[in-house]
Protein backbone atom coordinates (compact mmCIF):
# COMPACT_ATOMS: atom_id res chain seq x y z
CA MET A 1 -0.08 4.27 -13.29
CA ASN A 2 3.41 5.26 -12.24
CA ARG A 3 5.36 5.60 -9.00
CA THR A 4 4.84 9.36 -8.82
CA ILE A 5 1.05 9.00 -8.85
CA VAL A 6 1.18 6.24 -6.23
CA ARG A 7 3.47 8.34 -4.00
CA GLU A 8 1.02 11.24 -4.28
CA LYS A 9 -1.85 8.94 -3.27
CA ILE A 10 0.17 7.57 -0.37
CA LEU A 11 0.89 11.09 0.89
CA GLU A 12 -2.83 11.90 0.76
CA VAL A 13 -3.18 9.58 3.77
CA LYS A 14 -1.60 12.32 5.90
CA SER A 15 -4.48 14.71 5.30
CA GLU A 16 -7.25 12.29 4.38
CA ARG A 17 -7.53 9.10 6.44
CA ASN A 18 -10.54 7.96 4.44
CA PHE A 19 -9.45 4.40 3.76
CA THR A 20 -12.72 3.61 1.99
CA TYR A 21 -11.62 6.12 -0.64
CA PHE A 22 -8.20 4.46 -0.99
CA GLN A 23 -9.79 1.01 -1.21
CA SER A 24 -11.99 2.20 -4.06
CA TYR A 25 -9.12 3.98 -5.76
CA PHE A 26 -6.86 0.93 -5.80
CA LYS A 27 -9.72 -1.36 -6.77
CA ASP A 28 -10.04 0.79 -9.91
CA GLN A 29 -6.23 0.99 -10.29
CA PRO A 30 -5.03 -2.58 -9.59
CA GLU A 31 -1.60 -1.95 -11.08
CA GLY A 32 -1.07 0.49 -8.23
CA VAL A 33 -1.20 -2.34 -5.69
CA LYS A 34 2.07 -3.75 -7.01
CA LEU A 35 3.62 -0.31 -6.60
CA LEU A 36 2.33 -0.08 -3.02
CA ILE A 37 4.02 -3.40 -2.28
CA GLU A 38 7.25 -2.14 -3.87
CA VAL A 39 7.17 0.90 -1.62
CA ILE A 40 7.11 -1.19 1.54
CA THR A 41 9.99 -3.35 0.30
CA LYS A 42 12.24 -0.37 -0.47
CA ASN A 43 14.09 1.92 1.90
CA GLU A 44 11.58 4.73 1.61
CA GLN A 45 11.65 7.53 4.14
CA TYR A 46 8.88 8.13 6.65
CA PRO A 47 5.94 8.46 6.05
CA ILE A 48 5.82 6.85 2.59
CA LYS A 49 6.49 3.30 3.73
CA GLU A 50 4.19 3.49 6.76
CA TYR A 51 1.29 5.09 4.91
CA SER A 52 1.61 2.57 2.12
CA SER A 53 1.36 -0.25 4.64
CA TRP A 54 -1.81 1.31 6.11
CA ILE A 55 -3.42 1.30 2.70
CA ILE A 56 -2.34 -2.31 2.13
CA VAL A 57 -3.85 -3.40 5.46
CA HIS A 58 -7.19 -1.92 4.43
CA LEU A 59 -6.95 -3.52 1.00
CA CYS A 60 -6.35 -6.88 2.70
CA LYS A 61 -9.68 -6.44 4.47
CA SER A 62 -11.73 -5.25 1.52
CA GLN A 63 -10.02 -6.77 -1.53
CA PRO A 64 -8.00 -9.79 -0.44
CA GLU A 65 -7.95 -11.12 -3.99
CA GLN A 66 -5.89 -8.10 -5.05
CA ILE A 67 -3.37 -8.65 -2.28
CA ALA A 68 -3.25 -12.47 -2.39
CA PRO A 69 -0.46 -12.62 -5.02
CA PHE A 70 1.74 -10.62 -2.63
CA TYR A 71 1.02 -12.50 0.63
CA LYS A 72 4.36 -14.28 0.75
CA LYS A 73 6.26 -11.03 0.21
CA ILE A 74 4.15 -9.23 2.82
CA VAL A 75 4.72 -11.95 5.42
CA THR A 76 8.46 -11.84 4.76
CA ILE A 77 8.44 -8.08 5.28
CA LEU A 78 6.43 -8.40 8.49
CA PHE A 79 9.00 -10.74 10.02
CA LYS A 80 11.91 -8.52 8.99
CA SER A 81 10.38 -5.21 10.02
CA SER A 82 11.05 -3.58 13.36
CA ASN A 83 8.28 -1.06 12.73
């Protein structure tokens, strides 16, 4: 999986807010989770960063074991973010 594919998936959120689909997709593509985390740590333009965070929130609910390695980074981002 590469950044281009993940960006395309993130942009699908705009037209398809089916988070069950995204949960399944990233369960089958676990390397994509790391790329989602990278997106929210970079200075990406709207809506990439925001949509990525929506997907991550839903992954936290359904697949916490996939997100657990990134908890510290996510918490740091939450306290720094004004969004």
